[in-house]
Amino acid sequence: MEPVHRPRSSLGRVWRLFTADVSPGDMQRLFDRDAARVWQVLTRGEATGPEPKGQVGRWWFRLKLLLFGLSSKLSPPRRLLFGLALVTAVIGLVQGRLQLSAGDVTVTLPSFYWFVAVGLLVFLLALELADRLLVRDELEVARQLQRELLPAQVPELPGYRFAQASRTANEVGGDYHDYIPLPDGRLALVIGDASGHGMAAGLLMAIASAVLQLALELDPTLDRVFAIVNRVLCRTGDRRSFMSLFVGLLDPGTGRLDYACAGHPFPLLRRPDGRIEELGRGGLPLGLRPSLAVVPATTVLSPGDLLVLYSDGLPEAANRRGEPLGFEKVQLWVAQGGAPAGIVARLLGGLDAHAAGEPLRDDLSLLVVGRDTPADTPA
């Protein structure tokens, strides 16, 4: 006997439409984090002044501030539309309710002005939503272009193993990492972090990536490479446009690593006995001042060593209480050792456990290099 397929009710489909993929955590963040962000964005640039002391006066003060902030962020035609919606809503509130009678049945409905106000607000919401969808489509194109700037896979280098990971806080990120082969046989290990978030950081990262690759091709001398990238970034934007950068030039045969660091978190070099060495010296990021000196240094990746490059989105990732993960935990997890892929999995797993569902506030990049011991090399 064939099963009887009953048509789904329209009410059930509507319910599933509005509740699909919604979790209690999403609703909590909607009122905790998102509401606070809406308040910050809408009231930004508004003259707040001191709040009244009374509770009623304080709520009325905040309501006016929110309405004026919302109105000022709209285009002039939409601002007028929003004002008409508010006026019709007030008229409907003053006029009261509309009663319809049919025989012995009387139905009380909201005033006609309420329907007009709701219709105007829905139309305004549709306009803003359409704009957001168009912007989202453009951001997706920018995100795809950015993906093409980042390595899709790790290099294959005899005697070495690589692992990588990246996450973005917004649709477009400002973190950058790459493996750039040089004409002399060395491999440039690069990681950087552009200031800010979103599209501006992504554009700055793209510019730095192009200039860095060209500079390494022309003359892979670290102080000159950093000087060229710094000069371009200083001419590109203002003092808010800067980028931290670490570049290491690895000689695969000897394991020699010539490196320089400009304002980036120091990479961690784990020795086989568990000791951790930080590679780098204090300095300013690139793009802040025209004359910026970096001090190159040299170390050696010996068999069994692990090199971990990361951006500050890892140690600064916060939980719901605002507590950062911290550099100490990062060093502790790196000191435990393992294969590069295992290091990446341990760091990301620890991050997820600490954040407990809280979204990233900054971009995150990881690049791990391990040099094989003779026992790891296949016969």
Protein backbone atom coordinates (compact mmCIF):
# COMPACT_ATOMS: atom_id res chain seq x y z
CA MET A 1 0.00 0.00 0.00
CA GLU A 2 1.47 3.32 -1.03
CA PRO A 3 1.81 5.97 1.68
CA VAL A 4 -0.62 8.84 1.56
CA HIS A 5 1.10 12.18 1.06
CA ARG A 6 -0.84 14.91 2.75
CA PRO A 7 -0.30 18.42 1.55
CA ARG A 8 1.65 20.54 3.97
CA SER A 9 -0.29 23.32 5.57
CA SER A 10 0.50 26.86 4.55
CA LEU A 11 0.86 27.81 8.21
CA GLY A 12 3.53 25.15 8.68
CA ARG A 13 5.48 26.35 5.66
CA VAL A 14 5.35 29.93 6.92
CA TRP A 15 6.52 28.81 10.37
CA ARG A 16 9.45 26.88 8.89
CA LEU A 17 10.32 29.84 6.66
CA PHE A 18 10.76 32.15 9.65
CA THR A 19 12.29 29.67 12.11
CA ALA A 20 14.63 27.56 9.93
CA ASP A 21 18.25 27.48 11.14
CA VAL A 22 17.50 29.76 14.10
CA SER A 23 19.13 28.70 17.38
CA PRO A 24 18.68 30.10 20.92
CA GLY A 25 22.26 31.40 20.74
CA ASP A 26 21.42 33.36 17.60
CA MET A 27 18.47 35.01 19.34
CA GLN A 28 20.58 35.86 22.37
CA ARG A 29 23.27 37.47 20.22
CA LEU A 30 20.54 39.37 18.36
CA PHE A 31 19.60 41.25 21.53
CA ASP A 32 22.98 41.26 23.28
CA ARG A 33 25.60 41.96 20.64
CA ASP A 34 23.66 43.04 17.54
CA ALA A 35 21.44 45.50 19.42
CA ALA A 36 24.50 47.15 20.96
CA ARG A 37 26.14 47.37 17.54
CA VAL A 38 22.99 48.96 16.05
CA TRP A 39 23.01 51.57 18.81
CA GLN A 40 26.69 52.37 18.23
CA VAL A 41 26.28 52.69 14.46
CA LEU A 42 23.08 54.73 14.46
CA THR A 43 24.14 57.15 17.19
CA ARG A 44 27.66 57.60 15.82
CA GLY A 45 28.28 61.26 15.10
CA GLU A 46 25.21 62.42 17.03
CA ALA A 47 25.56 64.99 19.80
CA THR A 48 24.53 62.89 22.78
CA GLY A 49 25.10 65.16 25.77
CA PRO A 50 24.34 64.17 29.37
CA GLU A 51 21.38 61.83 29.88
CA PRO A 52 18.50 62.87 32.16
CA LYS A 53 18.52 61.27 35.60
CA GLY A 54 14.92 60.08 35.64
CA GLN A 55 14.06 56.73 34.06
CA VAL A 56 11.28 58.12 31.86
CA GLY A 57 13.40 61.05 30.75
CA ARG A 58 16.33 58.75 30.04
CA TRP A 59 14.24 56.43 27.85
CA TRP A 60 12.71 59.38 26.01
CA PHE A 61 16.20 60.86 25.48
CA ARG A 62 17.49 57.56 24.05
CA LEU A 63 14.44 57.15 21.80
CA LYS A 64 14.93 60.61 20.30
CA LEU A 65 18.64 59.95 19.84
CA LEU A 66 17.88 56.66 18.09
CA LEU A 67 15.24 58.18 15.80
CA PHE A 68 17.44 61.13 14.83
CA GLY A 69 20.41 58.82 14.30
CA LEU A 70 18.36 56.48 12.13
CA SER A 71 16.94 59.37 10.09
CA SER A 72 20.35 60.94 9.48
CA LYS A 73 21.73 57.66 8.08
CA LEU A 74 18.98 57.41 5.44
CA SER A 75 19.03 59.08 2.04
CA PRO A 76 16.82 62.22 1.75
CA PRO A 77 13.87 60.46 -0.01
CA ARG A 78 13.94 57.56 2.43
CA ARG A 79 14.27 59.96 5.34
CA LEU A 80 11.05 61.64 4.17
CA LEU A 81 9.40 58.23 3.84
CA PHE A 82 10.46 57.33 7.38
CA GLY A 83 9.12 60.64 8.69
CA LEU A 84 5.75 60.06 6.99
CA ALA A 85 5.56 56.62 8.57
CA LEU A 86 6.17 58.09 12.03
CA VAL A 87 3.58 60.85 11.49
CA THR A 88 0.90 58.42 10.32
CA ALA A 89 1.67 56.14 13.26
CA VAL A 90 1.18 59.03 15.70
CA ILE A 91 -2.09 60.02 13.99
CA GLY A 92 -3.28 56.44 14.27
CA LEU A 93 -2.37 56.39 17.95
CA VAL A 94 -4.33 59.60 18.60
CA GLN A 95 -7.34 58.58 16.52
CA GLY A 96 -7.72 55.25 18.24
CA ARG A 97 -9.13 52.05 16.75
CA LEU A 98 -11.54 51.37 13.91
CA GLN A 99 -14.63 49.25 14.61
CA LEU A 100 -16.42 47.26 11.90
CA SER A 101 -19.86 45.78 12.59
CA ALA A 102 -21.60 43.02 10.66
CA GLY A 103 -24.87 41.95 12.26
CA ASP A 104 -24.21 40.99 15.86
CA VAL A 105 -20.41 40.77 15.33
CA THR A 106 -18.19 43.76 15.97
CA VAL A 107 -14.52 43.60 14.94
CA THR A 108 -12.06 46.10 16.35
CA LEU A 109 -9.18 46.88 14.02
CA PRO A 110 -6.25 49.26 14.28
CA SER A 111 -6.73 52.65 12.72
CA PHE A 112 -6.29 52.97 8.97
CA TYR A 113 -3.27 55.17 9.64
CA TRP A 114 -1.57 52.24 11.35
CA PHE A 115 -1.86 50.21 8.16
CA VAL A 116 -0.37 53.09 6.19
CA ALA A 117 2.52 53.43 8.66
CA VAL A 118 3.27 49.70 8.57
CA GLY A 119 3.14 49.70 4.77
CA LEU A 120 5.59 52.59 4.56
CA LEU A 121 7.98 50.94 7.01
CA VAL A 122 7.85 47.62 5.14
CA PHE A 123 8.54 49.43 1.86
CA LEU A 124 11.46 51.26 3.47
CA LEU A 125 12.79 47.97 4.84
CA ALA A 126 12.57 46.42 1.36
CA LEU A 127 14.57 49.30 -0.12
CA GLU A 128 17.31 48.98 2.49
CA LEU A 129 17.36 45.19 2.12
CA ALA A 130 17.77 45.46 -1.66
CA ASP A 131 20.74 47.79 -1.16
CA ARG A 132 22.29 45.38 1.30
CA LEU A 133 21.89 42.45 -1.09
CA LEU A 134 23.61 44.39 -3.87
CA VAL A 135 26.47 45.31 -1.53
CA ARG A 136 26.72 41.69 -0.40
CA ASP A 137 27.03 40.57 -4.02
CA GLU A 138 29.84 43.06 -4.58
CA LEU A 139 31.57 41.91 -1.39
CA GLU A 140 31.35 38.31 -2.55
CA VAL A 141 33.16 39.28 -5.76
CA ALA A 142 35.83 41.04 -3.69
CA ARG A 143 36.10 38.01 -1.41
CA GLN A 144 36.60 35.72 -4.38
CA LEU A 145 39.33 37.97 -5.72
CA GLN A 146 40.99 37.93 -2.32
CA ARG A 147 40.87 34.14 -2.19
CA GLU A 148 42.84 34.10 -5.43
CA LEU A 149 45.58 36.17 -3.75
CA LEU A 150 45.96 33.60 -0.96
CA PRO A 151 47.53 30.19 -1.55
CA ALA A 152 44.93 27.51 -2.21
CA GLN A 153 47.30 24.77 -1.09
CA VAL A 154 50.61 24.40 0.69
CA PRO A 155 53.83 23.93 -1.29
CA GLU A 156 55.47 20.57 -1.82
CA LEU A 157 59.07 20.86 -0.64
CA PRO A 158 61.17 17.75 0.04
CA GLY A 159 62.12 17.51 3.69
CA TYR A 160 59.45 19.96 4.86
CA ARG A 161 55.77 19.84 5.72
CA PHE A 162 53.36 22.75 5.70
CA ALA A 163 49.90 23.51 7.07
CA GLN A 164 47.77 26.64 6.91
CA ALA A 165 44.41 28.08 7.93
CA SER A 166 42.63 31.42 7.67
CA ARG A 167 39.38 32.90 8.90
CA THR A 168 37.90 36.34 8.31
CA ALA A 169 35.85 38.46 10.68
CA ASN A 170 33.99 40.08 7.76
CA GLU A 171 33.25 39.17 4.17
CA VAL A 172 36.64 40.58 3.16
CA GLY A 173 39.67 40.24 5.40
CA GLY A 174 42.94 42.08 5.83
CA ASP A 175 45.20 39.13 6.69
CA TYR A 176 47.73 37.90 4.18
CA HIS A 177 49.98 34.87 3.98
CA ASP A 178 51.84 33.32 1.10
CA TYR A 179 54.71 31.12 -0.05
CA ILE A 180 56.74 32.86 -2.75
CA PRO A 181 59.47 30.89 -4.56
CA LEU A 182 62.55 32.98 -5.37
CA PRO A 183 64.82 32.64 -8.42
CA ASP A 184 67.76 31.52 -6.24
CA GLY A 185 65.81 28.49 -4.93
CA ARG A 186 64.77 29.95 -1.59
CA LEU A 187 61.16 30.11 -0.42
CA ALA A 188 59.71 33.30 1.06
CA LEU A 189 57.33 32.67 3.98
CA VAL A 190 55.09 35.71 4.34
CA ILE A 191 52.39 36.71 6.79
CA GLY A 192 50.87 40.14 7.30
CA ASP A 193 47.89 41.96 8.76
CA ALA A 194 46.41 45.13 7.27
CA SER A 195 44.85 47.64 9.64
CA GLY A 196 41.09 47.67 10.06
CA HIS A 197 38.54 45.23 8.70
CA GLY A 198 36.44 44.68 5.64
CA MET A 199 36.92 46.19 2.21
CA ALA A 200 39.51 48.82 3.19
CA ALA A 201 41.76 46.24 4.82
CA GLY A 202 41.32 43.89 1.86
CA LEU A 203 42.36 46.56 -0.64
CA LEU A 204 45.42 47.45 1.45
CA MET A 205 46.36 43.78 1.65
CA ALA A 206 46.02 43.37 -2.13
CA ILE A 207 48.31 46.35 -2.76
CA ALA A 208 50.91 45.09 -0.30
CA SER A 209 50.79 41.61 -1.82
CA ALA A 210 51.49 42.87 -5.35
CA VAL A 211 54.29 45.21 -4.23
CA LEU A 212 55.89 42.55 -2.04
CA GLN A 213 56.04 39.95 -4.80
CA LEU A 214 57.56 42.45 -7.21
CA ALA A 215 60.12 43.62 -4.64
CA LEU A 216 61.17 40.05 -3.85
CA GLU A 217 61.58 39.31 -7.55
CA LEU A 218 63.71 42.41 -8.17
CA ASP A 219 65.99 42.19 -5.12
CA PRO A 220 65.24 39.76 -2.26
CA THR A 221 67.23 41.77 0.27
CA LEU A 222 64.96 42.09 3.28
CA ASP A 223 65.67 45.67 4.30
CA ARG A 224 65.14 46.83 0.70
CA VAL A 225 61.98 44.77 0.31
CA PHE A 226 60.49 46.26 3.47
CA ALA A 227 61.53 49.77 2.40
CA ILE A 228 59.72 49.44 -0.95
CA VAL A 229 56.51 48.09 0.59
CA ASN A 230 56.62 50.78 3.28
CA ARG A 231 57.10 53.54 0.72
CA VAL A 232 54.12 52.39 -1.34
CA LEU A 233 51.84 52.04 1.70
CA CYS A 234 52.80 55.53 2.90
CA ARG A 235 51.76 56.94 -0.46
CA THR A 236 48.60 54.85 -0.72
CA GLY A 237 46.56 55.88 2.33
CA ASP A 238 46.53 57.96 5.47
CA ARG A 239 48.06 57.20 8.87
CA ARG A 240 45.23 54.76 9.57
CA SER A 241 46.36 52.58 6.64
CA PHE A 242 49.25 50.46 7.81
CA MET A 243 50.24 46.81 7.81
CA SER A 244 52.26 44.51 10.00
CA LEU A 245 54.51 42.12 8.10
CA PHE A 246 56.87 39.19 8.65
CA VAL A 247 58.98 37.76 5.84
CA GLY A 248 61.27 34.77 6.19
CA LEU A 249 63.56 33.57 3.38
CA LEU A 250 64.06 29.82 3.77
CA ASP A 251 66.95 27.95 2.16
CA PRO A 252 65.58 24.40 1.88
CA GLY A 253 68.98 22.77 1.65
CA THR A 254 70.56 24.22 4.78
CA GLY A 255 67.46 25.27 6.70
CA ARG A 256 68.80 28.82 7.01
CA LEU A 257 66.04 31.36 7.57
CA ASP A 258 66.73 35.07 7.01
CA TYR A 259 63.83 37.04 8.42
CA ALA A 260 62.57 40.50 9.31
CA CYS A 261 59.52 41.64 11.22
CA ALA A 262 57.64 44.96 11.17
CA GLY A 263 55.06 45.24 13.92
CA HIS A 264 53.79 41.66 13.51
CA PRO A 265 53.38 39.10 16.32
CA PHE A 266 56.67 37.24 16.55
CA PRO A 267 56.55 33.78 14.96
CA LEU A 268 57.27 30.88 17.31
CA LEU A 269 60.11 28.47 16.58
CA ARG A 270 59.74 25.22 18.52
CA ARG A 271 62.86 23.18 18.96
CA PRO A 272 62.71 19.36 19.32
CA ASP A 273 63.20 19.60 23.10
CA GLY A 274 60.10 21.82 23.45
CA ARG A 275 61.88 25.16 23.79
CA ILE A 276 60.13 28.13 22.18
CA GLU A 277 62.04 30.93 20.48
CA GLU A 278 60.37 34.12 19.26
CA LEU A 279 61.61 35.42 15.92
CA GLY A 280 61.54 39.16 15.68
CA ARG A 281 62.31 42.45 17.32
CA GLY A 282 60.08 45.32 18.30
CA GLY A 283 59.20 47.75 15.55
CA LEU A 284 56.46 49.75 13.85
CA PRO A 285 54.17 48.40 11.12
CA LEU A 286 54.68 49.49 7.53
CA GLY A 287 52.93 52.59 6.23
CA LEU A 288 53.20 54.80 9.32
CA ARG A 289 56.28 56.83 8.43
CA PRO A 290 58.38 57.19 5.25
CA SER A 291 61.65 56.21 6.91
CA LEU A 292 61.25 52.91 8.72
CA ALA A 293 64.22 50.70 9.52
CA VAL A 294 63.90 46.97 10.03
CA VAL A 295 66.65 44.77 11.42
CA PRO A 296 67.01 41.46 9.56
CA ALA A 297 68.16 38.42 11.52
CA THR A 298 69.04 34.81 10.80
CA THR A 299 68.26 31.44 12.36
CA VAL A 300 68.29 27.83 11.23
CA LEU A 301 65.41 25.39 10.94
CA SER A 302 67.00 22.12 12.03
CA PRO A 303 65.39 18.69 11.59
CA GLY A 304 62.48 18.36 14.01
CA ASP A 305 61.91 22.11 14.30
CA LEU A 306 58.49 23.71 13.90
CA LEU A 307 57.90 27.30 12.80
CA VAL A 308 54.48 28.81 13.56
CA LEU A 309 53.45 32.10 11.94
CA TYR A 310 50.15 33.65 13.04
CA SER A 311 48.26 36.92 13.08
CA ASP A 312 46.97 38.67 16.20
CA GLY A 313 43.44 37.47 15.48
CA LEU A 314 44.43 34.21 17.21
CA PRO A 315 45.62 35.42 20.66
CA GLU A 316 43.16 38.33 20.70
CA ALA A 317 40.08 36.18 19.96
CA ALA A 318 37.64 36.84 22.81
CA ASN A 319 34.82 34.93 24.44
CA ARG A 320 31.45 36.37 25.45
CA ARG A 321 32.98 37.93 28.58
CA GLY A 322 35.51 39.76 26.42
CA GLU A 323 38.47 37.70 27.69
CA PRO A 324 41.17 37.20 25.01
CA LEU A 325 42.72 33.82 24.33
CA GLY A 326 46.18 35.19 25.10
CA PHE A 327 49.70 34.62 23.81
CA GLU A 328 50.51 32.27 26.68
CA LYS A 329 48.01 29.65 25.53
CA VAL A 330 49.24 29.91 21.96
CA GLN A 331 52.81 29.23 23.10
CA LEU A 332 51.65 26.40 25.36
CA TRP A 333 49.83 24.63 22.52
CA VAL A 334 52.77 25.11 20.14
CA ALA A 335 55.19 23.76 22.74
CA GLN A 336 53.28 20.46 22.79
CA GLY A 337 54.63 19.78 19.31
CA GLY A 338 53.36 17.46 16.62
CA ALA A 339 52.97 17.61 12.86
CA PRO A 340 52.14 20.97 11.24
CA ALA A 341 48.57 19.86 10.50
CA GLY A 342 48.19 18.78 14.12
CA ILE A 343 49.45 22.15 15.35
CA VAL A 344 46.87 23.96 13.21
CA ALA A 345 44.08 21.66 14.42
CA ARG A 346 45.09 22.14 18.07
CA LEU A 347 45.21 25.93 17.79
CA LEU A 348 41.86 26.18 15.99
CA GLY A 349 40.26 23.70 18.37
CA GLY A 350 41.49 25.65 21.38
CA LEU A 351 40.25 28.86 19.82
CA ASP A 352 36.79 27.42 19.19
CA ALA A 353 36.58 26.07 22.74
CA HIS A 354 37.57 29.44 24.17
CA ALA A 355 35.25 31.50 21.95
CA ALA A 356 32.30 29.13 22.56
CA GLY A 357 30.44 30.35 19.49
CA GLU A 358 31.43 34.01 19.77
CA PRO A 359 32.29 35.33 16.28
CA LEU A 360 35.76 36.56 15.46
CA ARG A 361 36.45 40.25 15.98
CA ASP A 362 39.60 40.18 13.86
CA ASP A 363 40.93 38.15 10.95
CA LEU A 364 43.01 35.08 11.69
CA SER A 365 45.82 33.44 9.73
CA LEU A 366 48.04 30.46 10.52
CA LEU A 367 51.06 29.13 8.68
CA VAL A 368 53.07 26.23 10.14
CA VAL A 369 56.32 24.81 8.72
CA GLY A 370 57.98 21.67 10.01
CA ARG A 371 61.33 20.26 8.96
CA ASP A 372 61.42 16.50 8.84
CA THR A 373 63.87 14.40 10.82
CA PRO A 374 65.69 11.54 9.04
CA ALA A 375 63.13 9.15 10.56
CA ASP A 376 60.30 11.10 8.91
CA THR A 377 61.88 10.98 5.46
CA PRO A 378 60.62 8.00 3.41
CA ALA A 379 63.32 5.61 2.25
